[in-house]
Amino acid sequence: MPVTGAGLIRFFEEETYGIKIKPKYVVLMAVGFITLVMILWARPLLPF
């Protein structure tokens, strides 16, 4: 009995539905959102 793909991950090449965003853009959006929240949180402490 031949062993085919033993221990290998299968990547499907079927078309999937939904929004496709590159991982680096997800990280950038997360960092931007965290920065925005920190700025808004510290706003009462700022002199302007």
N, C-alpha and C. Protein backbone atom coordinates (compact mmCIF):
# COMPACT_ATOMS: atom_id res chain seq x y z
N MET A 1 0.85 -1.17 0.00
CA MET A 1 0.00 0.00 0.00
C MET A 1 0.90 1.24 0.00
N PRO A 2 0.84 2.09 -1.04
CA PRO A 2 1.72 3.27 -1.12
C PRO A 2 1.28 4.38 -0.16
N VAL A 3 2.28 5.06 0.37
CA VAL A 3 2.01 6.18 1.26
C VAL A 3 2.01 7.45 0.41
N THR A 4 0.89 8.13 0.39
CA THR A 4 0.79 9.35 -0.42
C THR A 4 0.53 10.53 0.50
N GLY A 5 1.47 11.45 0.56
CA GLY A 5 1.29 12.67 1.33
C GLY A 5 1.26 12.45 2.83
N ALA A 6 1.98 11.48 3.31
CA ALA A 6 1.97 11.19 4.75
C ALA A 6 2.60 12.34 5.52
N GLY A 7 1.84 12.93 6.41
CA GLY A 7 2.35 14.00 7.25
C GLY A 7 2.43 15.36 6.56
N LEU A 8 1.94 15.48 5.35
CA LEU A 8 2.01 16.75 4.64
C LEU A 8 0.68 17.49 4.77
N ILE A 9 0.77 18.79 4.78
CA ILE A 9 -0.43 19.62 4.83
C ILE A 9 -0.95 19.80 3.41
N ARG A 10 -2.24 19.67 3.25
CA ARG A 10 -2.83 19.87 1.92
C ARG A 10 -3.35 21.30 1.82
N PHE A 11 -2.97 21.96 0.77
CA PHE A 11 -3.46 23.30 0.49
C PHE A 11 -4.44 23.20 -0.67
N PHE A 12 -5.65 23.65 -0.42
CA PHE A 12 -6.67 23.60 -1.45
C PHE A 12 -6.54 24.81 -2.35
N GLU A 13 -6.68 24.60 -3.61
CA GLU A 13 -6.57 25.70 -4.56
C GLU A 13 -7.93 26.10 -5.11
N GLU A 14 -8.98 25.77 -4.38
CA GLU A 14 -10.31 26.16 -4.79
C GLU A 14 -10.51 27.64 -4.49
N GLU A 15 -11.37 28.25 -5.26
CA GLU A 15 -11.69 29.66 -5.04
C GLU A 15 -12.56 29.78 -3.81
N THR A 16 -12.14 30.64 -2.88
CA THR A 16 -12.93 30.85 -1.67
C THR A 16 -13.59 32.21 -1.74
N TYR A 17 -14.70 32.34 -1.06
CA TYR A 17 -15.44 33.60 -1.06
C TYR A 17 -15.06 34.43 0.15
N GLY A 18 -15.27 35.73 0.05
CA GLY A 18 -14.99 36.62 1.16
C GLY A 18 -13.90 37.62 0.82
N ILE A 19 -13.61 38.45 1.80
CA ILE A 19 -12.60 39.50 1.63
C ILE A 19 -11.22 38.87 1.75
N LYS A 20 -10.35 39.23 0.84
CA LYS A 20 -8.98 38.72 0.87
C LYS A 20 -8.04 39.88 1.19
N ILE A 21 -7.40 39.83 2.36
CA ILE A 21 -6.48 40.87 2.80
C ILE A 21 -5.16 40.19 3.15
N LYS A 22 -4.07 40.80 2.71
CA LYS A 22 -2.76 40.25 3.03
C LYS A 22 -2.49 40.38 4.53
N PRO A 23 -1.77 39.43 5.10
CA PRO A 23 -1.51 39.44 6.55
C PRO A 23 -0.84 40.71 7.05
N LYS A 24 0.07 41.29 6.24
CA LYS A 24 0.76 42.50 6.71
C LYS A 24 -0.21 43.67 6.86
N TYR A 25 -1.26 43.71 6.02
CA TYR A 25 -2.25 44.77 6.15
C TYR A 25 -3.13 44.56 7.38
N VAL A 26 -3.39 43.33 7.73
CA VAL A 26 -4.15 43.04 8.95
C VAL A 26 -3.36 43.50 10.17
N VAL A 27 -2.05 43.23 10.18
CA VAL A 27 -1.20 43.66 11.29
C VAL A 27 -1.14 45.18 11.36
N LEU A 28 -0.99 45.84 10.21
CA LEU A 28 -0.94 47.31 10.20
C LEU A 28 -2.25 47.91 10.69
N MET A 29 -3.38 47.34 10.28
CA MET A 29 -4.67 47.85 10.75
C MET A 29 -4.83 47.64 12.25
N ALA A 30 -4.36 46.51 12.77
CA ALA A 30 -4.45 46.25 14.20
C ALA A 30 -3.58 47.23 14.99
N VAL A 31 -2.36 47.47 14.51
CA VAL A 31 -1.47 48.43 15.19
C VAL A 31 -2.07 49.83 15.13
N GLY A 32 -2.62 50.21 13.99
CA GLY A 32 -3.26 51.52 13.87
C GLY A 32 -4.46 51.66 14.79
N PHE A 33 -5.26 50.61 14.90
CA PHE A 33 -6.43 50.66 15.79
C PHE A 33 -6.00 50.77 17.25
N ILE A 34 -4.98 50.01 17.63
CA ILE A 34 -4.48 50.08 19.01
C ILE A 34 -3.93 51.47 19.30
N THR A 35 -3.20 52.05 18.35
CA THR A 35 -2.66 53.41 18.52
C THR A 35 -3.78 54.42 18.67
N LEU A 36 -4.82 54.31 17.85
CA LEU A 36 -5.96 55.21 17.93
C LEU A 36 -6.64 55.11 19.29
N VAL A 37 -6.84 53.91 19.77
CA VAL A 37 -7.47 53.72 21.08
C VAL A 37 -6.61 54.32 22.18
N MET A 38 -5.29 54.14 22.10
CA MET A 38 -4.41 54.71 23.13
C MET A 38 -4.44 56.23 23.10
N ILE A 39 -4.49 56.83 21.91
CA ILE A 39 -4.56 58.29 21.80
C ILE A 39 -5.87 58.80 22.37
N LEU A 40 -6.97 58.14 22.03
CA LEU A 40 -8.26 58.58 22.55
C LEU A 40 -8.37 58.35 24.06
N TRP A 41 -7.74 57.31 24.57
CA TRP A 41 -7.75 57.04 26.00
C TRP A 41 -6.97 58.11 26.76
N ALA A 42 -5.86 58.58 26.19
CA ALA A 42 -4.99 59.56 26.85
C ALA A 42 -5.43 60.99 26.58
N ARG A 43 -6.48 61.18 25.80
CA ARG A 43 -6.90 62.52 25.40
C ARG A 43 -7.18 63.45 26.58
N PRO A 44 -7.86 63.01 27.65
CA PRO A 44 -8.08 63.93 28.79
C PRO A 44 -6.78 64.38 29.46
N LEU A 45 -5.71 63.64 29.29
CA LEU A 45 -4.44 63.99 29.91
C LEU A 45 -3.64 65.00 29.09
N LEU A 46 -4.01 65.16 27.81
CA LEU A 46 -3.28 66.06 26.93
C LEU A 46 -3.78 67.50 27.11
N PRO A 47 -2.90 68.49 26.93
CA PRO A 47 -3.29 69.88 27.17
C PRO A 47 -4.16 70.50 26.08
N PHE A 48 -4.39 69.82 24.96
CA PHE A 48 -5.21 70.44 23.90
C PHE A 48 -6.55 69.79 23.77
